[in-house]
Amino acid sequence: SINTNAFTPITIRYTTPVGSPGVVCMIEMTADGKPPVQKKDTEISQASQAYFESMFLGHIPANVQIHKKSGPVYGFRGCILDLQVNNKEFFIIDEARHGKNIENCHVPWCAHHLCRNNGTCISDNENLFCECPRLYSGKLCQFASCENNPCGNGATCVPKSGTDIVCLCPYGRSGPLCTDAINITQPRFSGTDAFGYTSFLAYSRISDISFHYEFHLKFQLANNHSALQNNLIFFTGQKGHGLNGDDFLAVGLLNGSVVYSYNLGSGIASIRSEPLNLSLGVHTVHLGKFFQEGWLKVDDHKNKSIIAPGRLAGLNVFSQFYVGGYSEYTPDLLPNGADFKNGFQGCIFTLQVRTEKDGHFRGLGNPEGHPNAGRSVGQCHASPCSLMKCGNGGTCIESGTSVYCNCTTGWKGAFCTETVSTCDPEHDPPHHCSRGATCISLPHGYTCFCPLGTTGIYCEQGHQFIGKDVFK
């Protein structure tokens, strides 16, 4: 049962997959924050895309026929405040095509504390308006900073705080909102950032890699200790789950050495080089496989080889070819033997492959040299922080082409130029105004402006109102 004297949020989700016979359709309903209720049904015939006609609120018009299995339909009595389909909000009155016997719902909206994320409620007893904090939007301020994504060109939006965001730029873009185009000839990778994402490039799958391949690679490490500890250089293959097996090919750095691992489906083969000579500015790696045998040569070290366990000889991989990191949240989601904890930190000057013994080496991608996707990859020896100045003692933080300011205490904003007031979410300690009340900063503190129906120093005392039905 639900409370008849309060507004009740209801969420309905449905899945109608398109595919072969035997797919499962599902409908789910959640009311008032309680656990969801689901019903699933297996389609006997091949499923097709569902299409909907008009949507009715409150009741069904007399001239509209509904499915006989729907059962009896009764008119709704009460108030409907908000209607949202996916991420689109509808204006219930303004966007309605027709209606009958509808009147205003005379409810003290603000007494119900409907505004979310510290939004300020403003009501005239007939309508509700939520004044949203910066980077929140929606009628009820229900869209967080990244749901109303300000990042450009398909960038990954990450909340940095309650009000600030960071844009992780796609390949070929830079700047605080990823609006600046850049030319990348020698990619620079920044490893795993403060939010858990790696910089990476993704190239088309190498289709003829099964029985023989050779890779040439040149790279330069970033000038920090973490670049040598546990870092993925490149990966292609399955993740060891599902029906596609666990074949993979991975190269990375572990405690100062290059590690080359592969799995042909019957066990992991792994070669580890001697520790790198850090006095060398650029390191060269040559590795390959012929049937079960793999080999690795790093800089002027001796060649090392290994035979894969089991009887399988072909590398069957179906994924894209990832360089520098991985598209998922963290690279340690990869299978055993390839689960490096961080992304690569440094520059990669050359990465070429050949799949025939006497063939020519070629660059990755289709067309050659062109990645399908990427994130937070910059140009080697170029710093985006050189083009951005953080104010008031703020520190510029860069992750490839992604850049943001880490502000000192008392400052906020993209460039640390805005003062944190006593009413801001970042202020420590936070203000004590009750939800729905407006915090107003004063020269020495703050005061709380109470919405209709509340009183007290912090608007913590309320009055009870009884609403009027909107549908009859």
Protein backbone atom coordinates (compact mmCIF):
# COMPACT_ATOMS: atom_id res chain seq x y z
CA SER A 1 0.00 0.00 0.00
CA ILE A 2 1.03 3.60 -0.49
CA ASN A 3 0.53 6.74 1.58
CA THR A 4 -2.55 8.62 0.36
CA ASN A 5 -1.46 11.89 2.01
CA ALA A 6 1.86 12.26 0.21
CA PHE A 7 3.25 12.38 -3.30
CA THR A 8 4.36 8.94 -4.43
CA PRO A 9 7.05 8.49 -7.11
CA ILE A 10 6.28 5.64 -9.51
CA THR A 11 8.76 4.30 -12.07
CA ILE A 12 7.78 1.80 -14.76
CA ARG A 13 10.39 0.11 -16.95
CA TYR A 14 9.85 -2.34 -19.76
CA THR A 15 12.05 -4.38 -22.07
CA THR A 16 10.81 -5.64 -25.43
CA PRO A 17 13.92 -7.06 -27.13
CA VAL A 18 14.06 -7.62 -30.86
CA GLY A 19 15.55 -10.96 -31.82
CA SER A 20 15.00 -14.66 -32.32
CA PRO A 21 12.18 -16.69 -30.77
CA GLY A 22 12.48 -17.36 -27.06
CA VAL A 23 13.48 -13.85 -25.96
CA VAL A 24 12.24 -12.61 -22.59
CA CYS A 25 10.04 -9.54 -22.24
CA MET A 26 10.03 -7.84 -18.86
CA ILE A 27 8.02 -5.12 -17.12
CA GLU A 28 9.03 -3.66 -13.77
CA MET A 29 7.34 -1.19 -11.41
CA THR A 30 8.79 0.64 -8.42
CA ALA A 31 6.56 2.70 -6.11
CA ASP A 32 7.58 4.97 -3.24
CA GLY A 33 11.14 3.65 -3.14
CA LYS A 34 10.05 0.11 -2.29
CA PRO A 35 11.67 -2.95 -3.94
CA PRO A 36 10.66 -3.32 -7.60
CA VAL A 37 8.02 -5.78 -8.75
CA GLN A 38 8.74 -7.62 -11.99
CA LYS A 39 6.92 -9.83 -14.43
CA LYS A 40 8.67 -11.71 -17.22
CA ASP A 41 7.24 -13.53 -20.20
CA THR A 42 8.96 -15.59 -22.90
CA GLU A 43 7.86 -14.77 -26.42
CA ILE A 44 7.08 -17.88 -28.49
CA SER A 45 7.18 -16.11 -31.83
CA GLN A 46 9.90 -13.78 -33.03
CA ALA A 47 9.73 -10.46 -31.17
CA SER A 48 9.28 -7.20 -33.04
CA GLN A 49 9.65 -3.57 -32.07
CA ALA A 50 6.79 -2.19 -29.96
CA TYR A 51 5.02 1.03 -30.94
CA PHE A 52 2.75 3.12 -28.74
CA GLU A 53 -0.03 5.50 -29.65
CA SER A 54 -1.51 8.20 -27.39
CA MET A 55 -0.79 8.27 -23.67
CA PHE A 56 -3.69 8.99 -21.31
CA LEU A 57 -3.45 10.33 -17.76
CA GLY A 58 -6.22 9.95 -15.20
CA HIS A 59 -8.65 7.85 -17.25
CA ILE A 60 -9.40 6.40 -20.68
CA PRO A 61 -11.82 8.28 -23.00
CA ALA A 62 -15.08 6.46 -23.66
CA ASN A 63 -14.34 6.03 -27.38
CA VAL A 64 -10.98 4.31 -26.83
CA GLN A 65 -10.81 0.52 -26.81
CA ILE A 66 -8.18 -1.14 -24.64
CA HIS A 67 -6.92 -4.71 -24.65
CA LYS A 68 -9.41 -7.11 -23.11
CA LYS A 69 -6.71 -8.60 -20.88
CA SER A 70 -6.15 -5.23 -19.21
CA GLY A 71 -9.04 -5.83 -16.83
CA PRO A 72 -11.31 -3.11 -15.40
CA VAL A 73 -9.96 0.45 -15.54
CA TYR A 74 -10.97 3.05 -12.96
CA GLY A 75 -10.35 6.79 -13.07
CA PHE A 76 -7.57 8.23 -10.94
CA ARG A 77 -8.51 10.61 -8.11
CA GLY A 78 -5.69 12.83 -6.93
CA CYS A 79 -2.87 15.05 -8.13
CA ILE A 80 -0.22 14.26 -10.74
CA LEU A 81 2.80 16.49 -10.45
CA ASP A 82 5.38 15.24 -12.93
CA LEU A 83 5.58 13.03 -16.03
CA GLN A 84 8.89 11.90 -17.47
CA VAL A 85 9.55 9.38 -20.25
CA ASN A 86 13.19 8.33 -20.38
CA ASN A 87 15.03 11.66 -20.02
CA LYS A 88 12.25 13.81 -21.50
CA GLU A 89 10.02 15.82 -19.18
CA PHE A 90 6.48 16.59 -20.32
CA PHE A 91 4.45 19.66 -19.43
CA ILE A 92 1.28 17.91 -18.34
CA ILE A 93 -1.11 20.74 -19.24
CA ASP A 94 0.72 22.60 -22.01
CA GLU A 95 1.57 19.50 -24.06
CA ALA A 96 -1.77 17.74 -23.62
CA ARG A 97 -3.83 17.38 -26.82
CA HIS A 98 -7.19 17.00 -25.10
CA GLY A 99 -8.63 16.91 -21.59
CA LYS A 100 -11.84 16.97 -19.59
CA ASN A 101 -12.89 17.77 -16.01
CA ILE A 102 -9.42 18.89 -14.91
CA GLU A 103 -8.72 21.65 -12.40
CA ASN A 104 -5.77 22.99 -10.46
CA CYS A 105 -4.55 20.95 -7.53
CA HIS A 106 -4.56 23.33 -4.56
CA VAL A 107 -1.76 21.76 -2.60
CA PRO A 108 1.04 23.55 -0.70
CA TRP A 109 3.64 21.89 -2.91
CA CYS A 110 6.67 23.07 -0.97
CA ALA A 111 5.44 21.46 2.24
CA HIS A 112 6.14 18.10 0.59
CA HIS A 113 9.85 18.89 -0.02
CA LEU A 114 9.73 17.69 -3.62
CA CYS A 115 12.79 19.55 -4.95
CA ARG A 116 15.85 17.33 -5.04
CA ASN A 117 19.58 17.98 -4.72
CA ASN A 118 19.11 21.06 -2.49
CA GLY A 119 16.80 22.73 -4.99
CA THR A 120 14.76 25.67 -3.67
CA CYS A 121 10.98 25.30 -3.86
CA ILE A 122 8.86 28.23 -5.08
CA SER A 123 5.08 27.77 -5.15
CA ASP A 124 1.94 29.84 -5.68
CA ASN A 125 -0.30 26.98 -4.44
CA GLU A 126 -1.17 26.14 -8.05
CA ASN A 127 2.26 25.52 -9.56
CA LEU A 128 5.60 24.29 -8.34
CA PHE A 129 8.98 25.64 -9.40
CA CYS A 130 12.32 24.32 -8.21
CA GLU A 131 15.25 26.72 -8.33
CA CYS A 132 18.14 24.34 -8.98
CA PRO A 133 21.76 24.61 -7.83
CA ARG A 134 24.36 25.03 -10.53
CA LEU A 135 24.79 21.95 -12.74
CA TYR A 136 21.43 20.48 -11.70
CA SER A 137 18.35 20.74 -13.89
CA GLY A 138 14.86 19.37 -14.40
CA LYS A 139 11.51 20.33 -12.94
CA LEU A 140 12.49 18.79 -9.60
CA CYS A 141 16.28 19.32 -10.02
CA GLN A 142 16.44 15.57 -10.55
CA PHE A 143 19.10 15.69 -13.26
CA ALA A 144 22.60 15.71 -11.78
CA SER A 145 25.49 17.59 -13.34
CA CYS A 146 26.38 14.84 -15.78
CA GLU A 147 22.79 13.99 -16.65
CA ASN A 148 22.57 17.50 -18.08
CA ASN A 149 25.94 16.91 -19.73
CA PRO A 150 27.83 20.12 -20.61
CA CYS A 151 30.77 18.20 -22.12
CA GLY A 152 31.12 18.46 -25.88
CA ASN A 153 31.89 16.03 -28.70
CA GLY A 154 30.86 12.86 -26.89
CA ALA A 155 33.19 13.35 -23.92
CA THR A 156 32.81 11.29 -20.75
CA CYS A 157 31.32 13.46 -17.99
CA VAL A 158 32.45 12.71 -14.42
CA PRO A 159 31.08 14.50 -11.31
CA LYS A 160 33.98 16.07 -9.41
CA SER A 161 31.83 17.34 -6.53
CA GLY A 162 28.22 18.14 -5.83
CA THR A 163 28.32 21.00 -8.31
CA ASP A 164 31.43 20.61 -10.51
CA ILE A 165 32.20 18.18 -13.31
CA VAL A 166 35.23 17.02 -15.30
CA CYS A 167 35.08 16.22 -19.01
CA LEU A 168 37.26 13.31 -20.16
CA CYS A 169 37.88 14.21 -23.78
CA PRO A 170 37.53 11.83 -26.75
CA TYR A 171 40.35 11.32 -29.23
CA GLY A 172 41.21 14.53 -31.07
CA ARG A 173 39.63 16.91 -28.55
CA SER A 174 40.95 18.94 -25.63
CA GLY A 175 39.96 21.69 -23.19
CA PRO A 176 37.74 21.95 -20.08
CA LEU A 177 34.63 21.06 -22.12
CA CYS A 178 36.48 19.17 -24.91
CA THR A 179 35.58 21.80 -27.49
CA ASP A 180 39.12 22.34 -28.85
CA ALA A 181 40.34 20.22 -31.79
CA ILE A 182 43.93 18.93 -31.60
CA ASN A 183 46.16 16.98 -33.99
CA ILE A 184 47.79 13.88 -32.50
CA THR A 185 50.79 12.35 -34.28
CA GLN A 186 52.48 10.73 -31.26
CA PRO A 187 49.91 9.78 -28.61
CA ARG A 188 50.54 10.48 -24.94
CA PHE A 189 48.73 8.37 -22.35
CA SER A 190 48.18 9.45 -18.76
CA GLY A 191 47.36 6.15 -17.06
CA THR A 192 44.45 5.85 -14.66
CA ASP A 193 43.02 9.19 -13.55
CA ALA A 194 41.65 10.23 -10.15
CA PHE A 195 38.19 8.99 -11.16
CA GLY A 196 39.25 5.46 -12.12
CA TYR A 197 39.23 5.88 -15.93
CA THR A 198 42.22 5.11 -18.14
CA SER A 199 43.32 6.97 -21.24
CA PHE A 200 43.15 4.64 -24.25
CA LEU A 201 42.89 4.24 -28.01
CA ALA A 202 40.74 1.54 -29.61
CA TYR A 203 41.57 0.27 -33.11
CA SER A 204 39.72 -2.13 -35.38
CA ARG A 205 40.15 -5.84 -34.70
CA ILE A 206 43.16 -7.44 -36.41
CA SER A 207 41.40 -10.21 -38.30
CA ASP A 208 44.33 -12.43 -39.42
CA ILE A 209 46.22 -12.61 -36.13
CA SER A 210 45.40 -16.22 -35.21
CA PHE A 211 48.54 -18.29 -35.96
CA HIS A 212 51.26 -15.75 -36.58
CA TYR A 213 51.87 -12.15 -35.58
CA GLU A 214 54.75 -9.80 -34.84
CA PHE A 215 54.59 -6.39 -33.15
CA HIS A 216 57.14 -3.58 -33.12
CA LEU A 217 56.71 -0.98 -30.40
CA LYS A 218 58.65 2.08 -29.24
CA PHE A 219 57.66 3.99 -26.13
CA GLN A 220 58.85 6.61 -23.66
CA LEU A 221 57.81 6.47 -20.01
CA ALA A 222 56.42 9.36 -18.05
CA ASN A 223 58.79 10.78 -15.48
CA ASN A 224 57.23 9.19 -12.42
CA HIS A 225 57.60 6.00 -10.42
CA SER A 226 54.06 4.75 -11.02
CA ALA A 227 54.67 4.41 -14.78
CA LEU A 228 56.67 1.22 -14.16
CA GLN A 229 54.58 -0.58 -11.55
CA ASN A 230 51.51 -2.26 -13.06
CA ASN A 231 50.54 -0.67 -16.37
CA LEU A 232 48.73 -1.99 -19.45
CA ILE A 233 50.37 -1.17 -22.81
CA PHE A 234 47.96 -2.99 -25.15
CA PHE A 235 45.28 -5.68 -25.08
CA THR A 236 42.99 -7.59 -27.42
CA GLY A 237 40.79 -10.55 -26.62
CA GLN A 238 37.94 -11.84 -24.51
CA LYS A 239 37.44 -11.18 -20.83
CA GLY A 240 37.11 -14.84 -19.88
CA HIS A 241 33.33 -14.77 -19.54
CA GLY A 242 30.50 -16.09 -21.69
CA LEU A 243 30.68 -18.34 -24.75
CA ASN A 244 33.58 -16.70 -26.60
CA GLY A 245 36.31 -18.31 -24.51
CA ASP A 246 39.21 -16.61 -22.79
CA ASP A 247 41.75 -16.08 -25.60
CA PHE A 248 43.70 -12.85 -25.23
CA LEU A 249 46.96 -11.06 -26.00
CA ALA A 250 48.31 -8.49 -23.53
CA VAL A 251 51.51 -6.49 -23.01
CA GLY A 252 52.24 -4.35 -19.97
CA LEU A 253 54.75 -3.18 -17.39
CA LEU A 254 55.19 -4.85 -14.01
CA ASN A 255 57.73 -3.69 -11.42
CA GLY A 256 60.06 -2.22 -14.04
CA SER A 257 59.90 -5.06 -16.59
CA VAL A 258 57.90 -5.67 -19.77
CA VAL A 259 55.42 -8.56 -19.47
CA TYR A 260 53.99 -10.30 -22.56
CA SER A 261 51.11 -12.76 -22.00
CA TYR A 262 48.74 -14.69 -24.24
CA ASN A 263 46.12 -17.41 -23.86
CA LEU A 264 45.19 -19.65 -26.79
CA GLY A 265 42.33 -21.26 -24.87
CA SER A 266 44.23 -23.88 -22.89
CA GLY A 267 46.26 -21.81 -20.44
CA ILE A 268 48.32 -18.65 -20.07
CA ALA A 269 51.83 -18.26 -21.49
CA SER A 270 53.80 -15.35 -20.04
CA ILE A 271 57.27 -13.89 -20.67
CA ARG A 272 58.89 -11.27 -18.47
CA SER A 273 61.86 -9.19 -19.60
CA GLU A 274 64.85 -8.10 -17.58
CA PRO A 275 64.34 -4.77 -15.76
CA LEU A 276 64.36 -1.77 -18.09
CA ASN A 277 67.41 0.48 -18.24
CA LEU A 278 65.87 3.77 -17.14
CA SER A 279 68.79 5.77 -18.55
CA LEU A 280 67.39 5.06 -22.02
CA GLY A 281 64.95 7.69 -23.18
CA VAL A 282 63.11 5.44 -25.63
CA HIS A 283 62.50 1.70 -25.24
CA THR A 284 62.04 -0.77 -28.11
CA VAL A 285 59.94 -3.93 -27.90
CA HIS A 286 59.71 -6.73 -30.49
CA LEU A 287 57.36 -9.62 -29.76
CA GLY A 288 55.52 -12.30 -31.67
CA LYS A 289 53.92 -15.74 -31.87
CA PHE A 290 54.06 -18.63 -34.33
CA PHE A 291 51.47 -21.28 -33.53
CA GLN A 292 52.14 -22.05 -29.82
CA GLU A 293 55.59 -20.47 -29.49
CA GLY A 294 55.91 -16.85 -28.38
CA TRP A 295 58.98 -14.62 -28.05
CA LEU A 296 59.90 -11.24 -26.59
CA LYS A 297 62.91 -8.96 -27.10
CA VAL A 298 63.24 -5.64 -25.24
CA ASP A 299 65.95 -3.05 -26.03
CA ASP A 300 69.35 -4.82 -26.18
CA HIS A 301 68.27 -7.69 -23.91
CA LYS A 302 68.46 -11.29 -25.07
CA ASN A 303 65.48 -12.80 -26.81
CA LYS A 304 63.16 -14.84 -24.54
CA SER A 305 60.69 -17.48 -25.71
CA ILE A 306 57.94 -19.73 -24.34
CA ILE A 307 55.56 -22.48 -25.49
CA ALA A 308 51.87 -22.06 -24.65
CA PRO A 309 50.38 -24.88 -22.53
CA GLY A 310 47.89 -27.36 -23.96
CA ARG A 311 47.35 -28.35 -27.58
CA LEU A 312 45.58 -25.29 -28.99
CA ALA A 313 47.63 -23.11 -31.35
CA GLY A 314 45.31 -20.37 -32.65
CA LEU A 315 44.59 -17.02 -31.01
CA ASN A 316 40.87 -16.38 -31.51
CA VAL A 317 40.06 -12.82 -30.47
CA PHE A 318 37.01 -10.77 -31.41
CA SER A 319 37.50 -7.47 -29.60
CA GLN A 320 38.98 -4.21 -30.76
CA PHE A 321 42.70 -3.62 -30.19
CA TYR A 322 43.15 -1.41 -27.12
CA VAL A 323 46.29 0.67 -26.63
CA GLY A 324 47.30 2.46 -23.42
CA GLY A 325 44.27 1.38 -21.41
CA TYR A 326 40.79 -0.01 -21.69
CA SER A 327 37.35 1.39 -22.46
CA GLU A 328 35.75 0.01 -19.31
CA TYR A 329 36.06 1.65 -15.92
CA THR A 330 39.35 0.05 -14.84
CA PRO A 331 41.72 -2.28 -16.71
CA ASP A 332 41.78 -4.80 -13.85
CA LEU A 333 38.39 -5.99 -15.13
CA LEU A 334 40.38 -7.90 -17.75
CA PRO A 335 41.05 -11.66 -17.42
CA ASN A 336 43.76 -13.22 -15.25
CA GLY A 337 47.14 -12.66 -16.85
CA ALA A 338 46.04 -9.36 -18.37
CA ASP A 339 44.58 -7.66 -15.30
CA PHE A 340 47.02 -4.76 -14.99
CA LYS A 341 45.85 -2.25 -12.39
CA ASN A 342 46.62 0.95 -14.30
CA GLY A 343 46.88 2.32 -17.80
CA PHE A 344 50.11 3.19 -19.59
CA GLN A 345 51.82 6.47 -18.64
CA GLY A 346 53.95 7.96 -21.37
CA CYS A 347 54.25 8.28 -25.15
CA ILE A 348 54.02 5.58 -27.82
CA PHE A 349 55.95 6.53 -30.96
CA THR A 350 55.57 3.39 -33.07
CA LEU A 351 53.19 0.44 -32.90
CA GLN A 352 53.16 -1.79 -35.98
CA VAL A 353 52.04 -5.34 -36.74
CA ARG A 354 52.51 -7.96 -39.42
CA THR A 355 50.71 -11.30 -39.68
CA GLU A 356 52.90 -13.01 -42.30
CA LYS A 357 56.56 -13.91 -41.79
CA ASP A 358 57.73 -12.10 -44.92
CA GLY A 359 55.01 -9.47 -44.90
CA HIS A 360 55.34 -5.75 -44.32
CA PHE A 361 54.76 -4.11 -40.96
CA ARG A 362 51.73 -1.82 -40.94
CA GLY A 363 50.08 0.53 -38.51
CA LEU A 364 46.94 -0.35 -36.59
CA GLY A 365 43.45 0.67 -37.62
CA ASN A 366 41.24 0.72 -40.67
CA PRO A 367 42.20 2.92 -42.41
CA GLU A 368 45.75 2.53 -41.16
CA GLY A 369 46.65 4.83 -38.27
CA HIS A 370 43.06 5.80 -37.48
CA PRO A 371 41.58 4.68 -34.13
CA ASN A 372 37.86 4.00 -33.77
CA ALA A 373 37.67 5.69 -30.38
CA GLY A 374 39.78 7.07 -27.57
CA ARG A 375 39.72 8.93 -24.26
CA SER A 376 42.08 11.41 -22.58
CA VAL A 377 44.87 10.93 -25.14
CA GLY A 378 47.11 13.92 -25.84
CA GLN A 379 50.03 14.84 -28.06
CA CYS A 380 53.44 13.80 -26.74
CA HIS A 381 55.42 16.63 -25.10
CA ALA A 382 52.38 18.96 -25.19
CA SER A 383 50.67 20.03 -21.97
CA PRO A 384 47.04 21.26 -21.95
CA CYS A 385 47.77 23.01 -18.65
CA SER A 386 50.03 25.42 -20.55
CA LEU A 387 46.86 26.82 -22.13
CA MET A 388 44.81 27.03 -18.91
CA LYS A 389 45.30 29.16 -15.79
CA CYS A 390 43.66 28.30 -12.48
CA GLY A 391 43.00 31.28 -10.21
CA ASN A 392 43.44 31.82 -6.48
CA GLY A 393 46.07 29.16 -5.90
CA GLY A 394 44.23 26.43 -7.79
CA THR A 395 46.24 23.61 -9.35
CA CYS A 396 45.82 22.53 -12.96
CA ILE A 397 45.33 18.77 -13.24
CA GLU A 398 45.75 17.11 -16.62
CA SER A 399 44.93 13.61 -17.79
CA GLY A 400 45.93 13.39 -21.42
CA THR A 401 43.82 16.07 -23.09
CA SER A 402 41.38 16.24 -20.17
CA VAL A 403 42.10 19.17 -17.89
CA TYR A 404 40.53 20.75 -14.81
CA CYS A 405 41.37 22.97 -11.84
CA ASN A 406 41.71 21.60 -8.32
CA CYS A 407 40.68 24.59 -6.20
CA THR A 408 42.00 25.63 -2.81
CA THR A 409 39.66 25.89 0.16
CA GLY A 410 37.11 28.66 -0.26
CA TRP A 411 37.11 28.69 -4.08
CA LYS A 412 35.15 26.83 -6.73
CA GLY A 413 34.25 26.89 -10.44
CA ALA A 414 35.99 25.73 -13.60
CA PHE A 415 38.88 28.18 -13.05
CA CYS A 416 38.64 28.60 -9.23
CA THR A 417 37.38 32.15 -9.63
CA GLU A 418 34.10 31.79 -7.71
CA THR A 419 33.93 32.20 -3.93
CA VAL A 420 32.39 29.39 -1.89
CA SER A 421 29.63 30.98 0.18
CA THR A 422 28.14 29.64 3.40
CA CYS A 423 25.17 28.40 1.36
CA ASP A 424 27.16 26.37 -1.19
CA PRO A 425 27.28 22.56 -0.94
CA GLU A 426 31.11 22.75 -0.84
CA HIS A 427 31.11 24.90 2.30
CA ASP A 428 32.42 23.27 5.46
CA PRO A 429 30.46 23.10 7.69
CA PRO A 430 27.26 22.94 5.57
CA HIS A 431 24.29 25.18 6.28
CA HIS A 432 21.36 23.84 8.31
CA CYS A 433 18.42 25.16 6.28
CA SER A 434 15.79 22.46 5.91
CA ARG A 435 15.12 20.84 2.55
CA GLY A 436 13.04 23.19 0.42
CA ALA A 437 14.16 26.31 2.29
CA THR A 438 16.35 28.95 0.63
CA CYS A 439 19.74 29.63 2.18
CA ILE A 440 20.70 33.31 1.87
CA SER A 441 24.34 34.28 2.52
CA LEU A 442 25.02 37.23 4.83
CA PRO A 443 28.29 39.09 5.56
CA HIS A 444 28.63 37.10 8.79
CA GLY A 445 26.74 33.85 8.29
CA TYR A 446 23.42 33.09 6.62
CA THR A 447 19.67 33.05 7.10
CA CYS A 448 16.99 30.63 5.93
CA PHE A 449 14.04 31.86 3.84
CA CYS A 450 11.16 29.51 4.61
CA PRO A 451 8.64 28.36 1.98
CA LEU A 452 4.93 28.62 2.63
CA GLY A 453 3.89 26.23 5.37
CA THR A 454 7.18 26.15 7.32
CA THR A 455 8.71 28.27 10.05
CA GLY A 456 11.60 28.27 12.53
CA ILE A 457 15.22 29.40 12.38
CA TYR A 458 16.04 26.64 9.90
CA CYS A 459 12.47 26.25 8.55
CA GLU A 460 12.31 22.96 10.41
CA GLN A 461 8.75 23.43 11.71
CA GLY A 462 5.90 22.69 9.33
CA HIS A 463 2.14 22.78 9.01
CA GLN A 464 -0.04 20.00 7.62
CA PHE A 465 -2.26 20.74 4.62
CA ILE A 466 -4.84 18.59 2.89
CA GLY A 467 -4.84 18.75 -0.90
CA LYS A 468 -7.73 18.75 -3.35
CA ASP A 469 -8.26 16.16 -6.07
CA VAL A 470 -7.19 17.13 -9.54
CA PHE A 471 -9.03 14.29 -11.27
CA LYS A 472 -12.67 13.56 -10.60
